[in-house]
């Protein structure tokens, strides 16, 4: 698969904010991250990969979901 270009998009939605997307346009290993904070009344999020509107396979592996510690006080960290 070294010659396959696997255009893909990592997305997060339904987390209490606007849908966020980052793209991958390389035929080799690429590490990226997508940071989000669930809304005050939201306890879940939908994280997904897609290559729409392309019509070819996308190969992905090793997803991590890391919970950041909640800061002390009433303020949440500023959005990036």
PDB file of N, CA and C in Angstrom:
ATOM      1  N   UNK A   1       0.806  -1.198   0.000  1.00  0.00           N
ATOM      2  CA  UNK A   1       0.000   0.000   0.000  1.00  0.00           C
ATOM      3  C   UNK A   1       0.851   1.265   0.000  1.00  0.00           C
ATOM      4  N   UNK A   2       2.159   1.159  -0.191  1.00  0.00           N
ATOM      5  CA  UNK A   2       2.997   2.351  -0.108  1.00  0.00           C
ATOM      6  C   UNK A   2       2.687   3.371  -1.195  1.00  0.00           C
ATOM      7  N   UNK A   3       2.086   2.959  -2.308  1.00  0.00           N
ATOM      8  CA  UNK A   3       1.760   3.899  -3.376  1.00  0.00           C
ATOM      9  C   UNK A   3       0.313   4.385  -3.323  1.00  0.00           C
ATOM     10  N   UNK A   4      -0.430   3.994  -2.292  1.00  0.00           N
ATOM     11  CA  UNK A   4      -1.835   4.399  -2.181  1.00  0.00           C
ATOM     12  C   UNK A   4      -1.933   5.712  -1.415  1.00  0.00           C
ATOM     13  N   UNK A   5      -2.583   6.676  -2.000  1.00  0.00           N
ATOM     14  CA  UNK A   5      -2.856   7.937  -1.318  1.00  0.00           C
ATOM     15  C   UNK A   5      -4.203   7.790  -0.650  1.00  0.00           C
ATOM     16  N   UNK A   6      -4.213   7.875   0.645  1.00  0.00           N
ATOM     17  CA  UNK A   6      -5.442   7.627   1.386  1.00  0.00           C
ATOM     18  C   UNK A   6      -5.953   8.923   2.007  1.00  0.00           C
ATOM     19  N   UNK A   7      -6.533   9.780   1.183  1.00  0.00           N
ATOM     20  CA  UNK A   7      -7.131  11.013   1.698  1.00  0.00           C
ATOM     21  C   UNK A   7      -8.165  10.644   2.741  1.00  0.00           C
ATOM     22  N   UNK A   8      -8.064  11.224   3.921  1.00  0.00           N
ATOM     23  CA  UNK A   8      -8.997  10.897   4.986  1.00  0.00           C
ATOM     24  C   UNK A   8      -9.189  12.106   5.885  1.00  0.00           C
ATOM     25  N   UNK A   9     -10.264  12.059   6.650  1.00  0.00           N
ATOM     26  CA  UNK A   9     -10.617  13.147   7.554  1.00  0.00           C
ATOM     27  C   UNK A   9     -10.980  12.563   8.912  1.00  0.00           C
ATOM     28  N   UNK A  10     -10.341  13.053   9.958  1.00  0.00           N
ATOM     29  CA  UNK A  10     -10.690  12.691  11.326  1.00  0.00           C
ATOM     30  C   UNK A  10     -11.640  13.762  11.828  1.00  0.00           C
ATOM     31  N   UNK A  11     -12.774  13.337  12.375  1.00  0.00           N
ATOM     32  CA  UNK A  11     -13.837  14.260  12.765  1.00  0.00           C
ATOM     33  C   UNK A  11     -14.275  14.018  14.201  1.00  0.00           C
ATOM     34  N   UNK A  12     -14.782  15.067  14.825  1.00  0.00           N
ATOM     35  CA  UNK A  12     -15.491  14.937  16.094  1.00  0.00           C
ATOM     36  C   UNK A  12     -16.761  15.769  15.973  1.00  0.00           C
ATOM     37  N   UNK A  13     -17.874  15.193  16.411  1.00  0.00           N
ATOM     38  CA  UNK A  13     -19.180  15.856  16.325  1.00  0.00           C
ATOM     39  C   UNK A  13     -20.015  15.441  17.535  1.00  0.00           C
ATOM     40  N   UNK A  14     -21.130  16.099  17.713  1.00  0.00           N
ATOM     41  CA  UNK A  14     -22.093  15.772  18.774  1.00  0.00           C
ATOM     42  C   UNK A  14     -21.436  15.800  20.155  1.00  0.00           C
ATOM     43  N   UNK A  15     -20.578  16.789  20.383  1.00  0.00           N
ATOM     44  CA  UNK A  15     -19.893  16.903  21.666  1.00  0.00           C
ATOM     45  C   UNK A  15     -20.255  18.181  22.418  1.00  0.00           C
ATOM     46  N   UNK A  16     -21.224  18.934  21.871  1.00  0.00           N
ATOM     47  CA  UNK A  16     -21.614  20.192  22.486  1.00  0.00           C
ATOM     48  C   UNK A  16     -20.979  21.399  21.828  1.00  0.00           C
ATOM     49  N   UNK A  17     -20.327  21.193  20.690  1.00  0.00           N
ATOM     50  CA  UNK A  17     -19.701  22.277  19.934  1.00  0.00           C
ATOM     51  C   UNK A  17     -19.835  22.003  18.453  1.00  0.00           C
ATOM     52  N   UNK A  18     -19.249  22.883  17.635  1.00  0.00           N
ATOM     53  CA  UNK A  18     -19.289  22.699  16.186  1.00  0.00           C
ATOM     54  C   UNK A  18     -18.432  21.502  15.780  1.00  0.00           C
ATOM     55  N   UNK A  19     -18.844  20.816  14.714  1.00  0.00           N
ATOM     56  CA  UNK A  19     -18.063  19.694  14.189  1.00  0.00           C
ATOM     57  C   UNK A  19     -16.661  20.182  13.860  1.00  0.00           C
ATOM     58  N   UNK A  20     -15.663  19.382  14.221  1.00  0.00           N
ATOM     59  CA  UNK A  20     -14.262  19.726  13.932  1.00  0.00           C
ATOM     60  C   UNK A  20     -13.678  18.631  13.059  1.00  0.00           C
ATOM     61  N   UNK A  21     -12.806  19.015  12.132  1.00  0.00           N
ATOM     62  CA  UNK A  21     -12.226  18.088  11.167  1.00  0.00           C
ATOM     63  C   UNK A  21     -10.764  18.428  10.928  1.00  0.00           C
ATOM     64  N   UNK A  22      -9.925  17.398  10.822  1.00  0.00           N
ATOM     65  CA  UNK A  22      -8.556  17.577  10.332  1.00  0.00           C
ATOM     66  C   UNK A  22      -8.356  16.591   9.191  1.00  0.00           C
ATOM     67  N   UNK A  23      -7.483  16.931   8.263  1.00  0.00           N
ATOM     68  CA  UNK A  23      -7.305  16.096   7.069  1.00  0.00           C
ATOM     69  C   UNK A  23      -5.943  15.423   7.061  1.00  0.00           C
ATOM     70  N   UNK A  24      -5.904  14.282   6.367  1.00  0.00           N
ATOM     71  CA  UNK A  24      -4.686  13.507   6.133  1.00  0.00           C
ATOM     72  C   UNK A  24      -4.580  13.295   4.631  1.00  0.00           C
ATOM     73  N   UNK A  25      -3.494  13.754   4.013  1.00  0.00           N
ATOM     74  CA  UNK A  25      -3.310  13.594   2.570  1.00  0.00           C
ATOM     75  C   UNK A  25      -1.916  13.065   2.276  1.00  0.00           C
ATOM     76  N   UNK A  26      -1.528  11.987   2.935  1.00  0.00           N
ATOM     77  CA  UNK A  26      -0.188  11.435   2.733  1.00  0.00           C
ATOM     78  C   UNK A  26      -0.277   9.931   2.564  1.00  0.00           C
ATOM     79  N   UNK A  27       0.639   9.345   1.817  1.00  0.00           N
ATOM     80  CA  UNK A  27       0.622   7.895   1.628  1.00  0.00           C
ATOM     81  C   UNK A  27       1.415   7.145   2.694  1.00  0.00           C
ATOM     82  N   UNK A  28       1.791   7.815   3.781  1.00  0.00           N
ATOM     83  CA  UNK A  28       2.587   7.163   4.813  1.00  0.00           C
ATOM     84  C   UNK A  28       2.074   7.558   6.197  1.00  0.00           C
ATOM     85  N   UNK A  29       2.718   7.048   7.239  1.00  0.00           N
ATOM     86  CA  UNK A  29       2.304   7.304   8.600  1.00  0.00           C
ATOM     87  C   UNK A  29       2.310   8.800   8.898  1.00  0.00           C
ATOM     88  N   UNK A  30       1.221   9.273   9.447  1.00  0.00           N
ATOM     89  CA  UNK A  30       1.110  10.670   9.855  1.00  0.00           C
ATOM     90  C   UNK A  30       0.389  10.713  11.193  1.00  0.00           C
ATOM     91  N   UNK A  31       0.963  11.401  12.144  1.00  0.00           N
ATOM     92  CA  UNK A  31       0.315  11.541  13.452  1.00  0.00           C
ATOM     93  C   UNK A  31      -0.251  12.945  13.583  1.00  0.00           C
ATOM     94  N   UNK A  32      -1.531  13.013  13.927  1.00  0.00           N
ATOM     95  CA  UNK A  32      -2.192  14.298  14.134  1.00  0.00           C
ATOM     96  C   UNK A  32      -3.089  14.191  15.350  1.00  0.00           C
ATOM     97  N   UNK A  33      -3.501  15.342  15.856  1.00  0.00           N
ATOM     98  CA  UNK A  33      -4.414  15.329  16.993  1.00  0.00           C
ATOM     99  C   UNK A  33      -5.540  16.326  16.755  1.00  0.00           C
ATOM    100  N   UNK A  34      -6.633  16.063  17.414  1.00  0.00           N
ATOM    101  CA  UNK A  34      -7.832  16.896  17.300  1.00  0.00           C
ATOM    102  C   UNK A  34      -8.338  17.104  18.718  1.00  0.00           C
ATOM    103  N   UNK A  35      -8.248  18.337  19.201  1.00  0.00           N
ATOM    104  CA  UNK A  35      -8.627  18.630  20.581  1.00  0.00           C
ATOM    105  C   UNK A  35     -10.041  19.199  20.628  1.00  0.00           C
ATOM    106  N   UNK A  36     -10.813  18.743  21.613  1.00  0.00           N
ATOM    107  CA  UNK A  36     -12.167  19.260  21.798  1.00  0.00           C
ATOM    108  C   UNK A  36     -12.545  19.131  23.265  1.00  0.00           C
ATOM    109  N   UNK A  37     -13.514  19.903  23.680  1.00  0.00           N
ATOM    110  CA  UNK A  37     -14.044  19.860  25.036  1.00  0.00           C
ATOM    111  C   UNK A  37     -15.542  19.677  24.946  1.00  0.00           C
ATOM    112  N   UNK A  38     -16.061  18.692  25.667  1.00  0.00           N
ATOM    113  CA  UNK A  38     -17.506  18.497  25.644  1.00  0.00           C
ATOM    114  C   UNK A  38     -18.184  19.689  26.302  1.00  0.00           C
ATOM    115  N   UNK A  39     -19.393  19.991  25.821  1.00  0.00           N
ATOM    116  CA  UNK A  39     -20.156  21.110  26.363  1.00  0.00           C
ATOM    117  C   UNK A  39     -20.592  20.840  27.798  1.00  0.00           C
ATOM    118  N   UNK A  40     -21.091  21.851  28.478  1.00  0.00           N
ATOM    119  CA  UNK A  40     -21.440  21.703  29.895  1.00  0.00           C
ATOM    120  C   UNK A  40     -22.525  20.650  30.151  1.00  0.00           C
ATOM    121  N   UNK A  41     -23.393  20.410  29.189  1.00  0.00           N
ATOM    122  CA  UNK A  41     -24.464  19.426  29.361  1.00  0.00           C
ATOM    123  C   UNK A  41     -24.241  18.178  28.503  1.00  0.00           C
ATOM    124  N   UNK A  42     -23.031  17.992  27.996  1.00  0.00           N
ATOM    125  CA  UNK A  42     -22.734  16.875  27.096  1.00  0.00           C
ATOM    126  C   UNK A  42     -21.687  15.969  27.731  1.00  0.00           C
ATOM    127  N   UNK A  43     -21.952  14.698  27.746  1.00  0.00           N
ATOM    128  CA  UNK A  43     -21.034  13.718  28.335  1.00  0.00           C
ATOM    129  C   UNK A  43     -20.452  12.769  27.298  1.00  0.00           C
ATOM    130  N   UNK A  44     -20.840  12.916  26.012  1.00  0.00           N
ATOM    131  CA  UNK A  44     -20.375  12.017  24.962  1.00  0.00           C
ATOM    132  C   UNK A  44     -19.915  12.821  23.755  1.00  0.00           C
ATOM    133  N   UNK A  45     -19.238  12.139  22.853  1.00  0.00           N
ATOM    134  CA  UNK A  45     -18.801  12.727  21.584  1.00  0.00           C
ATOM    135  C   UNK A  45     -18.745  11.617  20.544  1.00  0.00           C
ATOM    136  N   UNK A  46     -18.904  11.979  19.284  1.00  0.00           N
ATOM    137  CA  UNK A  46     -18.773  11.032  18.185  1.00  0.00           C
ATOM    138  C   UNK A  46     -17.472  11.347  17.453  1.00  0.00           C
ATOM    139  N   UNK A  47     -16.530  10.411  17.483  1.00  0.00           N
ATOM    140  CA  UNK A  47     -15.241  10.559  16.801  1.00  0.00           C
ATOM    141  C   UNK A  47     -15.243   9.559  15.654  1.00  0.00           C
ATOM    142  N   UNK A  48     -14.961  10.047  14.427  1.00  0.00           N
ATOM    143  CA  UNK A  48     -15.019   9.147  13.279  1.00  0.00           C
ATOM    144  C   UNK A  48     -14.054   9.576  12.190  1.00  0.00           C
ATOM    145  N   UNK A  49     -13.705   8.609  11.338  1.00  0.00           N
ATOM    146  CA  UNK A  49     -12.829   8.841  10.186  1.00  0.00           C
ATOM    147  C   UNK A  49     -13.650   8.601   8.929  1.00  0.00           C
ATOM    148  N   UNK A  50     -13.419   9.408   7.912  1.00  0.00           N
ATOM    149  CA  UNK A  50     -14.121   9.238   6.645  1.00  0.00           C
ATOM    150  C   UNK A  50     -13.208   9.664   5.502  1.00  0.00           C
ATOM    151  N   UNK A  51     -13.521   9.212   4.314  1.00  0.00           N
ATOM    152  CA  UNK A  51     -12.827   9.708   3.126  1.00  0.00           C
ATOM    153  C   UNK A  51     -13.848  10.240   2.114  1.00  0.00           C
ATOM    154  N   UNK A  52     -15.066  10.479   2.565  1.00  0.00           N
ATOM    155  CA  UNK A  52     -16.103  11.018   1.689  1.00  0.00           C
ATOM    156  C   UNK A  52     -15.631  12.322   1.068  1.00  0.00           C
ATOM    157  N   UNK A  53     -15.775  12.561  -0.200  1.00  0.00           N
ATOM    158  CA  UNK A  53     -16.574  11.848  -1.182  1.00  0.00           C
ATOM    159  C   UNK A  53     -15.769  10.842  -2.011  1.00  0.00           C
ATOM    160  N   UNK A  54     -14.554  10.537  -1.604  1.00  0.00           N
ATOM    161  CA  UNK A  54     -13.741   9.561  -2.353  1.00  0.00           C
ATOM    162  C   UNK A  54     -14.383   8.181  -2.279  1.00  0.00           C
ATOM    163  N   UNK A  55     -13.980   7.316  -3.191  1.00  0.00           N
ATOM    164  CA  UNK A  55     -14.543   5.976  -3.230  1.00  0.00           C
ATOM    165  C   UNK A  55     -13.424   4.939  -3.228  1.00  0.00           C
ATOM    166  N   UNK A  56     -12.535   5.018  -2.237  1.00  0.00           N
ATOM    167  CA  UNK A  56     -11.460   4.050  -2.110  1.00  0.00           C
ATOM    168  C   UNK A  56     -11.221   3.768  -0.632  1.00  0.00           C
ATOM    169  N   UNK A  57     -10.557   2.655  -0.315  1.00  0.00           N
ATOM    170  CA  UNK A  57     -10.336   2.305   1.094  1.00  0.00           C
ATOM    171  C   UNK A  57      -9.419   3.308   1.789  1.00  0.00           C
ATOM    172  N   UNK A  58      -9.618   3.453   3.073  1.00  0.00           N
ATOM    173  CA  UNK A  58      -8.746   4.249   3.932  1.00  0.00           C
ATOM    174  C   UNK A  58      -8.249   3.325   5.034  1.00  0.00           C
ATOM    175  N   UNK A  59      -6.962   3.361   5.278  1.00  0.00           N
ATOM    176  CA  UNK A  59      -6.372   2.509   6.300  1.00  0.00           C
ATOM    177  C   UNK A  59      -5.933   3.393   7.464  1.00  0.00           C
ATOM    178  N   UNK A  60      -6.435   3.099   8.638  1.00  0.00           N
ATOM    179  CA  UNK A  60      -6.070   3.849   9.842  1.00  0.00           C
ATOM    180  C   UNK A  60      -5.802   2.858  10.969  1.00  0.00           C
ATOM    181  N   UNK A  61      -5.017   3.304  11.932  1.00  0.00           N
ATOM    182  CA  UNK A  61      -4.815   2.496  13.131  1.00  0.00           C
ATOM    183  C   UNK A  61      -4.414   3.402  14.284  1.00  0.00           C
ATOM    184  N   UNK A  62      -4.448   2.833  15.440  1.00  0.00           N
ATOM    185  CA  UNK A  62      -3.981   3.449  16.675  1.00  0.00           C
ATOM    186  C   UNK A  62      -4.636   4.800  16.971  1.00  0.00           C
ATOM    187  N   UNK A  63      -5.858   4.737  17.367  1.00  0.00           N
ATOM    188  CA  UNK A  63      -6.546   5.924  17.857  1.00  0.00           C
ATOM    189  C   UNK A  63      -6.352   6.018  19.365  1.00  0.00           C
ATOM    190  N   UNK A  64      -6.202   7.221  19.868  1.00  0.00           N
ATOM    191  CA  UNK A  64      -6.129   7.440  21.306  1.00  0.00           C
ATOM    192  C   UNK A  64      -7.133   8.521  21.685  1.00  0.00           C
ATOM    193  N   UNK A  65      -7.828   8.303  22.769  1.00  0.00           N
ATOM    194  CA  UNK A  65      -8.701   9.322  23.334  1.00  0.00           C
ATOM    195  C   UNK A  65      -8.187   9.576  24.739  1.00  0.00           C
ATOM    196  N   UNK A  66      -7.669  10.770  24.956  1.00  0.00           N
ATOM    197  CA  UNK A  66      -7.025  11.099  26.221  1.00  0.00           C
ATOM    198  C   UNK A  66      -7.840  12.174  26.917  1.00  0.00           C
ATOM    199  N   UNK A  67      -8.252  11.891  28.140  1.00  0.00           N
ATOM    200  CA  UNK A  67      -9.001  12.872  28.918  1.00  0.00           C
ATOM    201  C   UNK A  67      -8.013  13.770  29.641  1.00  0.00           C
ATOM    202  N   UNK A  68      -8.166  15.058  29.432  1.00  0.00           N
ATOM    203  CA  UNK A  68      -7.315  16.027  30.121  1.00  0.00           C
ATOM    204  C   UNK A  68      -7.862  16.257  31.522  1.00  0.00           C
ATOM    205  N   UNK A  69      -6.986  16.551  32.457  1.00  0.00           N
ATOM    206  CA  UNK A  69      -7.484  16.833  33.803  1.00  0.00           C
ATOM    207  C   UNK A  69      -8.330  18.104  33.816  1.00  0.00           C
ATOM    208  N   UNK A  70      -9.338  18.106  34.652  1.00  0.00           N
ATOM    209  CA  UNK A  70     -10.193  19.288  34.786  1.00  0.00           C
ATOM    210  C   UNK A  70      -9.442  20.310  35.628  1.00  0.00           C
ATOM    211  N   UNK A  71      -9.338  21.543  35.129  1.00  0.00           N
ATOM    212  CA  UNK A  71      -8.617  22.566  35.900  1.00  0.00           C
ATOM    213  C   UNK A  71      -9.384  22.911  37.176  1.00  0.00           C
ATOM    214  N   UNK A  72      -8.675  23.371  38.160  1.00  0.00           N
ATOM    215  CA  UNK A  72      -9.323  23.808  39.399  1.00  0.00           C
ATOM    216  C   UNK A  72     -10.058  25.110  39.154  1.00  0.00           C
ATOM    217  N   UNK A  73     -11.122  25.316  39.886  1.00  0.00           N
ATOM    218  CA  UNK A  73     -11.912  26.529  39.702  1.00  0.00           C
ATOM    219  C   UNK A  73     -13.049  26.290  38.722  1.00  0.00           C
ATOM    220  N   UNK A  74     -13.752  27.339  38.410  1.00  0.00           N
ATOM    221  CA  UNK A  74     -14.937  27.227  37.545  1.00  0.00           C
ATOM    222  C   UNK A  74     -14.625  27.402  36.077  1.00  0.00           C
ATOM    223  N   UNK A  75     -13.422  27.831  35.720  1.00  0.00           N
ATOM    224  CA  UNK A  75     -13.118  28.129  34.321  1.00  0.00           C
ATOM    225  C   UNK A  75     -12.585  26.898  33.593  1.00  0.00           C
ATOM    226  N   UNK A  76     -13.047  26.731  32.365  1.00  0.00           N
ATOM    227  CA  UNK A  76     -12.493  25.713  31.485  1.00  0.00           C
ATOM    228  C   UNK A  76     -11.368  26.337  30.683  1.00  0.00           C
ATOM    229  N   UNK A  77     -10.419  25.535  30.186  1.00  0.00           N
ATOM    230  CA  UNK A  77      -9.351  26.102  29.362  1.00  0.00           C
ATOM    231  C   UNK A  77      -9.912  26.754  28.096  1.00  0.00           C
ATOM    232  N   UNK A  78      -9.227  27.774  27.608  1.00  0.00           N
ATOM    233  CA  UNK A  78      -9.656  28.474  26.387  1.00  0.00           C
ATOM    234  C   UNK A  78      -9.591  27.536  25.192  1.00  0.00           C
ATOM    235  N   UNK A  79     -10.535  27.675  24.278  1.00  0.00           N
ATOM    236  CA  UNK A  79     -10.548  26.866  23.041  1.00  0.00           C
ATOM    237  C   UNK A  79      -9.366  27.247  22.178  1.00  0.00           C
ATOM    238  N   UNK A  80      -8.819  26.256  21.462  1.00  0.00           N
ATOM    239  CA  UNK A  80      -7.688  26.517  20.552  1.00  0.00           C
ATOM    240  C   UNK A  80      -8.158  26.535  19.137  1.00  0.00           C
TER     241      UNK A  80
END
